[in-house]
C-alpha atoms as a PDB file:
ATOM      1  CA  MET A   1     244.540-129.944-132.665  1.00  0.00           C
ATOM      2  CA  LYS A   2     244.230-132.872-135.011  1.00  0.00           C
ATOM      3  CA  GLN A   3     246.616-133.266-137.893  1.00  0.00           C
ATOM      4  CA  ALA A   4     245.369-133.366-141.440  1.00  0.00           C
ATOM      5  CA  THR A   5     245.531-137.018-142.463  1.00  0.00           C
ATOM      6  CA  LEU A   6     243.904-137.527-145.825  1.00  0.00           C
ATOM      7  CA  ALA A   7     243.225-140.455-148.091  1.00  0.00           C
ATOM      8  CA  LEU A   8     242.591-139.209-151.595  1.00  0.00           C
ATOM      9  CA  VAL A   9     243.594-140.615-154.974  1.00  0.00           C
ATOM     10  CA  PRO A  10     246.428-138.506-156.475  1.00  0.00           C
ATOM     11  CA  LEU A  11     246.092-136.927-159.877  1.00  0.00           C
ATOM     12  CA  LEU A  12     248.877-137.314-162.437  1.00  0.00           C
ATOM     13  CA  LEU A  13     249.636-134.257-164.518  1.00  0.00           C
ATOM     14  CA  LEU A  14     251.021-135.291-167.892  1.00  0.00           C
ATOM     15  CA  SER A  15     251.838-131.832-169.167  1.00  0.00           C
ATOM     16  CA  ALA A  16     252.307-128.283-168.015  1.00  0.00           C
ATOM     17  CA  CYS A  17     248.616-127.625-168.416  1.00  0.00           C
ATOM     18  CA  GLY A  18     247.558-130.509-166.189  1.00  0.00           C
ATOM     19  CA  GLY A  19     245.963-133.887-166.606  1.00  0.00           C
ATOM     20  CA  LYS A  20     242.501-135.287-166.763  1.00  0.00           C
ATOM     21  CA  ASN A  21     240.870-135.586-163.355  1.00  0.00           C
ATOM     22  CA  ASP A  22     237.529-135.507-161.667  1.00  0.00           C
ATOM     23  CA  SER A  23     237.959-132.188-159.917  1.00  0.00           C
ATOM     24  CA  PRO A  24     235.486-129.390-160.640  1.00  0.00           C
ATOM     25  CA  LEU A  25     236.106-127.692-163.963  1.00  0.00           C
ATOM     26  CA  GLN A  26     238.046-124.503-163.470  1.00  0.00           C
ATOM     27  CA  ARG A  27     237.348-121.987-166.202  1.00  0.00           C
ATOM     28  CA  ASP A  28     239.175-118.804-167.054  1.00  0.00           C
ATOM     29  CA  ASN A  29     236.943-116.694-169.248  1.00  0.00           C
ATOM     30  CA  SER A  30     239.504-114.027-170.031  1.00  0.00           C
ATOM     31  CA  SER A  31     238.272-113.742-173.622  1.00  0.00           C
ATOM     32  CA  ASN A  32     234.714-112.780-172.629  1.00  0.00           C
ATOM     33  CA  SER A  33     233.480-109.369-173.634  1.00  0.00           C
ATOM     34  CA  ASP A  34     232.586-108.695-169.998  1.00  0.00           C
ATOM     35  CA  THR A  35     236.180-108.768-168.777  1.00  0.00           C
ATOM     36  CA  PRO A  36     235.936-107.447-165.206  1.00  0.00           C
ATOM     37  CA  THR A  37     237.533-104.248-164.051  1.00  0.00           C
ATOM     38  CA  THR A  38     239.920-104.071-161.128  1.00  0.00           C
ATOM     39  CA  GLN A  39     239.260-101.195-158.764  1.00  0.00           C
ATOM     40  CA  ASN A  40     241.952 -99.583-156.644  1.00  0.00           C
ATOM     41  CA  PRO A  41     240.938 -99.674-152.989  1.00  0.00           C
ATOM     42  CA  SER A  42     241.036 -96.762-150.597  1.00  0.00           C
ATOM     43  CA  THR A  43     243.537 -97.035-147.760  1.00  0.00           C
ATOM     44  CA  GLY A  44     243.322 -96.567-144.030  1.00  0.00           C
ATOM     45  CA  GLN A  45     239.853 -98.073-143.716  1.00  0.00           C
ATOM     46  CA  ASP A  46     238.631-101.257-142.123  1.00  0.00           C
ATOM     47  CA  CYS A  47     235.393-103.041-141.356  1.00  0.00           C
ATOM     48  CA  GLY A  48     235.239-102.338-137.634  1.00  0.00           C
ATOM     49  CA  ALA A  49     237.022-103.851-134.667  1.00  0.00           C
ATOM     50  CA  ASN A  50     234.644-106.792-134.490  1.00  0.00           C
ATOM     51  CA  PHE A  51     235.019-108.054-138.064  1.00  0.00           C
ATOM     52  CA  SER A  52     235.800-111.747-138.383  1.00  0.00           C
ATOM     53  CA  ALA A  53     234.948-114.505-140.822  1.00  0.00           C
ATOM     54  CA  GLU A  54     235.408-118.274-140.877  1.00  0.00           C
ATOM     55  CA  ARG A  55     234.983-120.718-143.711  1.00  0.00           C
ATOM     56  CA  SER A  56     235.397-124.484-143.974  1.00  0.00           C
ATOM     57  CA  LEU A  57     237.639-125.632-146.840  1.00  0.00           C
ATOM     58  CA  ASN A  58     236.545-129.216-147.228  1.00  0.00           C
ATOM     59  CA  LYS A  59     238.000-130.327-150.561  1.00  0.00           C
ATOM     60  CA  PHE A  60     241.619-131.513-150.806  1.00  0.00           C
ATOM     61  CA  GLU A  61     243.216-132.515-154.115  1.00  0.00           C
ATOM     62  CA  PHE A  62     246.743-133.761-154.728  1.00  0.00           C
ATOM     63  CA  SER A  63     248.528-133.721-158.091  1.00  0.00           C
ATOM     64  CA  SER A  64     251.583-135.795-158.963  1.00  0.00           C
ATOM     65  CA  VAL A  65     253.762-134.790-161.902  1.00  0.00           C
ATOM     66  CA  PHE A  66     256.361-136.280-164.231  1.00  0.00           C
ATOM     67  CA  TRP A  67     259.648-134.740-165.289  1.00  0.00           C
ATOM     68  CA  GLN A  68     259.051-133.034-168.638  1.00  0.00           C
ATOM     69  CA  VAL A  69     261.133-132.073-171.648  1.00  0.00           C
ATOM     70  CA  GLU A  70     259.887-128.475-171.881  1.00  0.00           C
ATOM     71  CA  GLY A  71     262.280-127.180-169.221  1.00  0.00           C
ATOM     72  CA  GLU A  72     261.848-125.314-165.948  1.00  0.00           C
ATOM     73  CA  ARG A  73     259.506-122.608-167.232  1.00  0.00           C
ATOM     74  CA  LEU A  74     256.807-125.066-168.316  1.00  0.00           C
ATOM     75  CA  GLN A  75     257.583-127.882-165.877  1.00  0.00           C
ATOM     76  CA  SER A  76     254.589-128.855-163.776  1.00  0.00           C
ATOM     77  CA  LYS A  77     255.250-128.907-160.027  1.00  0.00           C
ATOM     78  CA  PRO A  78     253.879-131.107-157.252  1.00  0.00           C
ATOM     79  CA  GLU A  79     250.905-129.362-155.691  1.00  0.00           C
ATOM     80  CA  PHE A  80     247.950-129.765-153.436  1.00  0.00           C
ATOM     81  CA  ARG A  81     244.945-127.523-153.307  1.00  0.00           C
ATOM     82  CA  LEU A  82     242.168-127.032-150.804  1.00  0.00           C
ATOM     83  CA  TYR A  83     238.954-125.170-151.431  1.00  0.00           C
ATOM     84  CA  ALA A  84     235.279-124.961-150.557  1.00  0.00           C
ATOM     85  CA  ASP A  85     232.974-127.012-152.766  1.00  0.00           C
ATOM     86  CA  SER A  86     229.223-127.580-152.565  1.00  0.00           C
ATOM     87  CA  ARG A  87     229.613-129.845-149.524  1.00  0.00           C
ATOM     88  CA  SER A  88     231.325-127.172-147.466  1.00  0.00           C
ATOM     89  CA  LEU A  89     228.799-126.442-144.737  1.00  0.00           C
ATOM     90  CA  GLY A  90     230.704-124.487-142.112  1.00  0.00           C
ATOM     91  CA  ALA A  91     230.782-120.687-142.320  1.00  0.00           C
ATOM     92  CA  THR A  92     230.169-117.764-139.999  1.00  0.00           C
ATOM     93  CA  HIS A  93     231.025-114.086-139.768  1.00  0.00           C
ATOM     94  CA  THR A  94     230.735-111.084-137.462  1.00  0.00           C
ATOM     95  CA  ILE A  95     230.366-107.636-138.967  1.00  0.00           C
ATOM     96  CA  THR A  96     229.118-104.260-137.757  1.00  0.00           C
ATOM     97  CA  SER A  97     229.999-102.222-140.848  1.00  0.00           C
ATOM     98  CA  ASP A  98     227.559-101.663-143.696  1.00  0.00           C
ATOM     99  CA  LYS A  99     230.269-100.797-146.236  1.00  0.00           C
ATOM    100  CA  THR A 100     229.729-102.646-149.497  1.00  0.00           C
ATOM    101  CA  LEU A 101     233.262-104.034-149.586  1.00  0.00           C
ATOM    102  CA  CYS A 102     233.021-105.256-145.991  1.00  0.00           C
ATOM    103  CA  LEU A 103     229.770-107.057-146.770  1.00  0.00           C
ATOM    104  CA  LEU A 104     231.425-108.623-149.828  1.00  0.00           C
ATOM    105  CA  ALA A 105     234.360-109.847-147.726  1.00  0.00           C
ATOM    106  CA  ALA A 106     231.935-111.342-145.211  1.00  0.00           C
ATOM    107  CA  SER A 107     230.175-113.202-148.033  1.00  0.00           C
ATOM    108  CA  VAL A 108     233.427-114.494-149.532  1.00  0.00           C
ATOM    109  CA  PHE A 109     235.122-115.609-146.320  1.00  0.00           C
ATOM    110  CA  GLY A 110     232.233-116.239-143.950  1.00  0.00           C
ATOM    111  CA  SER A 111     229.127-117.433-145.792  1.00  0.00           C
ATOM    112  CA  ILE A 112     227.883-120.375-147.841  1.00  0.00           C
ATOM    113  CA  SER A 113     224.746-118.572-149.009  1.00  0.00           C
ATOM    114  CA  ALA A 114     223.988-118.223-152.704  1.00  0.00           C
ATOM    115  CA  GLU A 115     224.570-114.870-154.406  1.00  0.00           C
ATOM    116  CA  THR A 116     222.736-113.523-157.463  1.00  0.00           C
ATOM    117  CA  TRP A 117     224.629-112.642-160.632  1.00  0.00           C
ATOM    118  CA  ASP A 118     223.899-109.028-161.561  1.00  0.00           C
ATOM    119  CA  GLY A 119     226.387-108.564-164.391  1.00  0.00           C
ATOM    120  CA  ASP A 120     226.054-109.017-168.128  1.00  0.00           C
ATOM    121  CA  ASP A 121     225.276-112.453-169.505  1.00  0.00           C
ATOM    122  CA  ASN A 122     228.404-114.434-170.350  1.00  0.00           C
ATOM    123  CA  ALA A 123     229.513-118.009-170.960  1.00  0.00           C
ATOM    124  CA  SER A 124     229.356-118.782-167.246  1.00  0.00           C
ATOM    125  CA  PHE A 125     226.406-116.849-165.812  1.00  0.00           C
ATOM    126  CA  LYS A 126     223.150-115.298-166.930  1.00  0.00           C
ATOM    127  CA  LYS A 127     221.652-112.322-165.138  1.00  0.00           C
ATOM    128  CA  GLY A 128     219.722-113.515-162.084  1.00  0.00           C
ATOM    129  CA  GLU A 129     221.540-116.869-161.909  1.00  0.00           C
ATOM    130  CA  LEU A 130     222.710-118.066-158.501  1.00  0.00           C
ATOM    131  CA  TYR A 131     226.377-118.613-157.694  1.00  0.00           C
ATOM    132  CA  TYR A 132     228.619-119.103-154.656  1.00  0.00           C
ATOM    133  CA  TYR A 133     232.076-117.962-153.580  1.00  0.00           C
ATOM    134  CA  ALA A 134     234.849-120.552-153.249  1.00  0.00           C
ATOM    135  CA  PRO A 135     238.208-119.576-151.709  1.00  0.00           C
ATOM    136  CA  GLU A 136     241.085-121.834-152.787  1.00  0.00           C
ATOM    137  CA  PHE A 137     244.647-122.250-151.512  1.00  0.00           C
ATOM    138  CA  LYS A 138     247.198-123.881-153.813  1.00  0.00           C
ATOM    139  CA  PHE A 139     250.497-125.156-152.364  1.00  0.00           C
ATOM    140  CA  LYS A 140     253.437-125.909-154.684  1.00  0.00           C
ATOM    141  CA  THR A 141     256.940-127.234-154.193  1.00  0.00           C
ATOM    142  CA  GLY A 142     259.865-127.804-156.511  1.00  0.00           C
ATOM    143  CA  LEU A 143     260.839-131.186-157.895  1.00  0.00           C
ATOM    144  CA  PRO A 144     263.330-133.192-155.815  1.00  0.00           C
ATOM    145  CA  ASP A 145     266.991-132.997-156.834  1.00  0.00           C
ATOM    146  CA  ILE A 146     267.028-136.160-158.916  1.00  0.00           C
ATOM    147  CA  THR A 147     268.672-136.038-162.325  1.00  0.00           C
ATOM    148  CA  SER A 148     267.399-139.294-163.819  1.00  0.00           C
ATOM    149  CA  LEU A 149     265.854-142.656-163.078  1.00  0.00           C
ATOM    150  CA  THR A 150     269.387-144.049-162.728  1.00  0.00           C
ATOM    151  CA  ASP A 151     270.227-141.311-160.212  1.00  0.00           C
ATOM    152  CA  TRP A 152     267.099-142.155-158.189  1.00  0.00           C
ATOM    153  CA  ARG A 153     268.101-145.811-158.060  1.00  0.00           C
ATOM    154  CA  SER A 154     271.680-144.929-157.097  1.00  0.00           C
ATOM    155  CA  LYS A 155     270.205-143.117-154.086  1.00  0.00           C
ATOM    156  CA  SER A 156     268.460-146.340-152.953  1.00  0.00           C
ATOM    157  CA  GLN A 157     265.151-145.443-154.614  1.00  0.00           C
ATOM    158  CA  PRO A 158     263.785-143.173-151.863  1.00  0.00           C
ATOM    159  CA  GLU A 159     260.000-143.331-151.619  1.00  0.00           C
ATOM    160  CA  LYS A 160     259.815-139.792-150.255  1.00  0.00           C
ATOM    161  CA  ILE A 161     262.013-136.703-150.054  1.00  0.00           C
ATOM    162  CA  ALA A 162     261.390-133.615-147.898  1.00  0.00           C
ATOM    163  CA  GLN A 163     260.930-130.381-149.854  1.00  0.00           C
ATOM    164  CA  SER A 164     260.268-126.789-148.812  1.00  0.00           C
ATOM    165  CA  LEU A 165     257.273-124.920-150.181  1.00  0.00           C
ATOM    166  CA  GLU A 166     257.979-123.001-153.363  1.00  0.00           C
ATOM    167  CA  SER A 167     254.784-120.947-153.441  1.00  0.00           C
ATOM    168  CA  VAL A 168     251.280-120.609-152.021  1.00  0.00           C
ATOM    169  CA  ASN A 169     248.468-118.790-153.818  1.00  0.00           C
ATOM    170  CA  LEU A 170     244.992-117.771-152.696  1.00  0.00           C
ATOM    171  CA  THR A 171     242.279-117.409-155.339  1.00  0.00           C
ATOM    172  CA  ILE A 172     238.637-116.465-154.850  1.00  0.00           C
ATOM    173  CA  HIS A 173     236.527-118.343-157.388  1.00  0.00           C
ATOM    174  CA  TYR A 174     232.905-118.189-158.338  1.00  0.00           C
ATOM    175  CA  ARG A 175     231.242-121.600-158.063  1.00  0.00           C
ATOM    176  CA  ASP A 176     228.220-122.383-160.209  1.00  0.00           C
ATOM    177  CA  LYS A 177     225.293-124.700-159.524  1.00  0.00           C
ATOM    178  CA  ASP A 178     227.197-127.615-161.079  1.00  0.00           C
ATOM    179  CA  ASN A 179     230.137-127.166-158.688  1.00  0.00           C
ATOM    180  CA  ASN A 180     232.451-125.737-161.372  1.00  0.00           C
ATOM    181  CA  LEU A 181     235.073-123.262-160.181  1.00  0.00           C
ATOM    182  CA  ILE A 182     235.107-120.175-162.396  1.00  0.00           C
ATOM    183  CA  THR A 183     237.361-117.151-162.662  1.00  0.00           C
ATOM    184  CA  LEU A 184     236.723-114.158-164.906  1.00  0.00           C
ATOM    185  CA  GLY A 185     239.260-111.866-166.514  1.00  0.00           C
ATOM    186  CA  ASP A 186     243.055-111.940-166.418  1.00  0.00           C
ATOM    187  CA  PRO A 187     244.244-114.973-164.423  1.00  0.00           C
ATOM    188  CA  GLN A 188     246.966-112.873-162.799  1.00  0.00           C
ATOM    189  CA  THR A 189     244.352-110.624-161.204  1.00  0.00           C
ATOM    190  CA  ASN A 190     242.656-113.647-159.648  1.00  0.00           C
ATOM    191  CA  MET A 191     245.708-115.407-158.199  1.00  0.00           C
ATOM    192  CA  ASN A 192     247.154-113.813-155.070  1.00  0.00           C
ATOM    193  CA  SER A 193     250.564-114.835-153.752  1.00  0.00           C
ATOM    194  CA  ILE A 194     250.496-115.385-150.005  1.00  0.00           C
ATOM    195  CA  ILE A 195     253.229-116.029-147.435  1.00  0.00           C
ATOM    196  CA  LEU A 196     252.231-118.618-144.851  1.00  0.00           C
ATOM    197  CA  SER A 197     253.980-119.237-141.552  1.00  0.00           C
ATOM    198  CA  CYS A 198     253.189-122.878-140.757  1.00  0.00           C
ATOM    199  CA  ASP A 199     253.999-125.291-137.954  1.00  0.00           C
ATOM    200  CA  GLN A 200     256.173-127.203-140.435  1.00  0.00           C
ATOM    201  CA  THR A 201     258.415-125.886-143.178  1.00  0.00           C
ATOM    202  CA  GLU A 202     259.039-129.044-145.211  1.00  0.00           C
ATOM    203  CA  PHE A 203     256.674-131.523-146.831  1.00  0.00           C
ATOM    204  CA  ASP A 204     257.217-135.105-147.899  1.00  0.00           C
ATOM    205  CA  ILE A 205     257.187-135.579-151.673  1.00  0.00           C
ATOM    206  CA  SER A 206     256.398-139.159-152.693  1.00  0.00           C
ATOM    207  CA  LEU A 207     258.369-140.727-155.536  1.00  0.00           C
ATOM    208  CA  SER A 208     257.197-143.750-157.506  1.00  0.00           C
ATOM    209  CA  LEU A 209     257.165-145.299-160.964  1.00  0.00           C
ATOM    210  CA  GLN A 210     253.864-144.833-162.759  1.00  0.00           C
ATOM    211  CA  GLN A 211     252.709-146.341-166.032  1.00  0.00           C
ATOM    212  CA  VAL A 212     252.415-143.784-168.822  1.00  0.00           C
ATOM    213  CA  ALA A 213     250.311-143.927-171.964  1.00  0.00           C
ATOM    214  CA  ASN A 214     252.283-143.865-175.207  1.00  0.00           C
ATOM    215  CA  SER A 215     250.425-140.729-176.278  1.00  0.00           C
ATOM    216  CA  ALA A 216     251.992-138.797-173.375  1.00  0.00           C
ATOM    217  CA  LEU A 217     255.599-139.843-173.892  1.00  0.00           C
ATOM    218  CA  ALA A 218     256.478-137.000-176.260  1.00  0.00           C
ATOM    219  CA  THR A 219     256.171-134.478-173.410  1.00  0.00           C
ATOM    220  CA  LEU A 220     258.182-136.459-170.831  1.00  0.00           C
ATOM    221  CA  ASP A 221     261.919-136.527-170.194  1.00  0.00           C
ATOM    222  CA  PRO A 222     263.100-140.002-171.259  1.00  0.00           C
ATOM    223  CA  ALA A 223     265.873-139.931-168.629  1.00  0.00           C
ATOM    224  CA  TYR A 224     263.173-140.597-166.021  1.00  0.00           C
ATOM    225  CA  CYS A 225     261.414-143.378-167.941  1.00  0.00           C
ATOM    226  CA  GLU A 226     261.964-147.029-168.800  1.00  0.00           C
ATOM    227  CA  THR A 227     260.203-149.758-170.745  1.00  0.00           C
ATOM    228  CA  GLN A 228     259.208-152.967-168.989  1.00  0.00           C
ATOM    229  CA  THR A 229     257.830-156.124-170.565  1.00  0.00           C
ATOM    230  CA  ILE A 230     254.747-157.347-168.755  1.00  0.00           C
ATOM    231  CA  GLY A 231     253.479-160.571-170.245  1.00  0.00           C
ATOM    232  CA  ASN A 232     253.894-160.055-173.969  1.00  0.00           C
ATOM    233  CA  GLU A 233     253.330-156.315-173.812  1.00  0.00           C
ATOM    234  CA  ALA A 234     255.908-153.531-173.553  1.00  0.00           C
ATOM    235  CA  GLN A 235     254.829-150.820-171.120  1.00  0.00           C
ATOM    236  CA  THR A 236     256.500-147.531-170.231  1.00  0.00           C
ATOM    237  CA  PHE A 237     256.934-146.364-166.648  1.00  0.00           C
ATOM    238  CA  CYS A 238     258.206-142.945-165.557  1.00  0.00           C
ATOM    239  CA  LEU A 239     259.183-141.493-162.206  1.00  0.00           C
ATOM    240  CA  SER A 240     256.507-139.279-160.668  1.00  0.00           C
ATOM    241  CA  ALA A 241     256.574-136.880-157.723  1.00  0.00           C
ATOM    242  CA  GLY A 242     253.690-135.625-155.592  1.00  0.00           C
ATOM    243  CA  PHE A 243     252.805-134.410-152.117  1.00  0.00           C
ATOM    244  CA  GLU A 244     252.451-137.139-149.512  1.00  0.00           C
ATOM    245  CA  GLN A 245     248.752-137.063-148.684  1.00  0.00           C
ATOM    246  CA  ASP A 246     249.400-137.218-144.954  1.00  0.00           C
ATOM    247  CA  ILE A 247     250.574-133.608-144.969  1.00  0.00           C
ATOM    248  CA  LYS A 248     250.730-133.400-141.145  1.00  0.00           C
ATOM    249  CA  LEU A 249     249.919-129.703-141.087  1.00  0.00           C
ATOM    250  CA  GLU A 250     248.194-128.324-138.013  1.00  0.00           C
ATOM    251  CA  SER A 251     248.125-124.584-138.562  1.00  0.00           C
ATOM    252  CA  CYS A 252     249.399-121.728-140.716  1.00  0.00           C
ATOM    253  CA  LYS A 253     249.017-117.989-140.297  1.00  0.00           C
ATOM    254  CA  PHE A 254     249.404-115.090-142.683  1.00  0.00           C
ATOM    255  CA  ASP A 255     249.830-111.357-142.169  1.00  0.00           C
ATOM    256  CA  LEU A 256     247.985-108.704-144.159  1.00  0.00           C
ATOM    257  CA  THR A 257     247.983-109.924-147.749  1.00  0.00           C
ATOM    258  CA  LYS A 258     246.376-108.391-150.840  1.00  0.00           C
ATOM    259  CA  VAL A 259     243.471-110.440-152.161  1.00  0.00           C
ATOM    260  CA  SER A 260     241.190-109.693-155.124  1.00  0.00           C
ATOM    261  CA  LEU A 261     237.505-110.047-154.252  1.00  0.00           C
ATOM    262  CA  PRO A 262     235.123-110.616-157.197  1.00  0.00           C
ATOM    263  CA  ASP A 263     231.623-109.192-156.905  1.00  0.00           C
ATOM    264  CA  GLN A 264     228.223-110.023-158.415  1.00  0.00           C
ATOM    265  CA  ARG A 265     228.970-108.017-161.573  1.00  0.00           C
ATOM    266  CA  GLY A 266     232.366-109.559-162.321  1.00  0.00           C
ATOM    267  CA  ASN A 267     234.413-106.645-161.011  1.00  0.00           C
ATOM    268  CA  LYS A 268     237.330-107.238-158.655  1.00  0.00           C
ATOM    269  CA  THR A 269     238.539-105.048-155.805  1.00  0.00           C
ATOM    270  CA  SER A 270     241.687-105.614-153.770  1.00  0.00           C
ATOM    271  CA  VAL A 271     241.613-105.710-149.995  1.00  0.00           C
ATOM    272  CA  GLN A 272     244.176-106.881-147.465  1.00  0.00           C
ATOM    273  CA  VAL A 273     243.349-109.687-145.059  1.00  0.00           C
ATOM    274  CA  SER A 274     245.215-111.596-142.371  1.00  0.00           C
ATOM    275  CA  GLY A 275     244.238-114.784-140.652  1.00  0.00           C
ATOM    276  CA  LEU A 276     244.778-118.468-139.968  1.00  0.00           C
ATOM    277  CA  LEU A 277     244.442-121.855-141.610  1.00  0.00           C
ATOM    278  CA  GLU A 278     243.716-124.578-139.069  1.00  0.00           C
ATOM    279  CA  PHE A 279     243.770-128.189-140.252  1.00  0.00           C
ATOM    280  CA  ALA A 280     241.611-131.023-138.948  1.00  0.00           C
ATOM    281  CA  GLN A 281     241.242-134.667-139.953  1.00  0.00           C
ATOM    282  CA  SER A 282     239.831-134.086-143.426  1.00  0.00           C
ATOM    283  CA  SER A 283     239.293-130.340-143.789  1.00  0.00           C
ATOM    284  CA  ALA A 284     240.728-126.948-142.926  1.00  0.00           C
ATOM    285  CA  GLU A 285     239.233-123.825-141.380  1.00  0.00           C
ATOM    286  CA  LEU A 286     240.065-120.461-142.911  1.00  0.00           C
ATOM    287  CA  LYS A 287     239.765-117.708-140.299  1.00  0.00           C
ATOM    288  CA  ILE A 288     240.026-114.063-141.301  1.00  0.00           C
ATOM    289  CA  THR A 289     241.003-112.009-138.257  1.00  0.00           C
ATOM    290  CA  ASP A 290     241.709-108.599-139.791  1.00  0.00           C
ATOM    291  CA  ILE A 291     240.839-106.703-142.949  1.00  0.00           C
ATOM    292  CA  ASP A 292     242.113-103.447-144.399  1.00  0.00           C
ATOM    293  CA  LEU A 293     240.333-101.714-147.255  1.00  0.00           C
END
């Protein structure tokens, strides 16, 4: 199997809420009057012995971060995310059950076909408008154990440091016709923690000095920054950390994990799924091998 070797421009997050980038807008409409309900699933059911679903996750994005003054709770972490955007063309599923929830799971994990919004009008969708499902995995790791710019230099200015994963989350988004990723309701009911068993347990985190705009300096820890004179102009550079884009992953698997599936009315129902993530040159395949309602 080929390793995932990617060449994408990293994104620099300047604060805990992220930085400006060209990724699809991700909206959380938790203040809408049509806040979705979360239904408790029945147990001991499945979608038949032959259920399977596969979906190409074609979009990779990498975010580098700076050390911040807000402290650990608000500190942004290096992350990379992979999801299905409008150019994701590969999807297939096998299903023999006609249960509504099984058909929904097949659409989410094994189809690129458009769905029709059947809920109340809101800021994102009007009744009858087309939308798509977009699964997304988000990988995060902690910041390397570097206490300052001086400390980094005393350690011979390493360009990369191996770090273990801190968390992985799976979110099922709606995607609108403009390729925006949208979630409805409480963000915590959309984000599902998932434990992956991968062929590697550590990832290279790249370290480098990046120029920072003066307007962003108030949020950054000055211990990781310095001012350099370039020509006649003083410029500030700060140490940044981000996933090496050659992540070298080949495969990950996960056992039955609770995932919230959003439907065409904005409601969410939890199911449990298990499966694989298999990485290729510039994409990944999500394969669902088992489902429990």
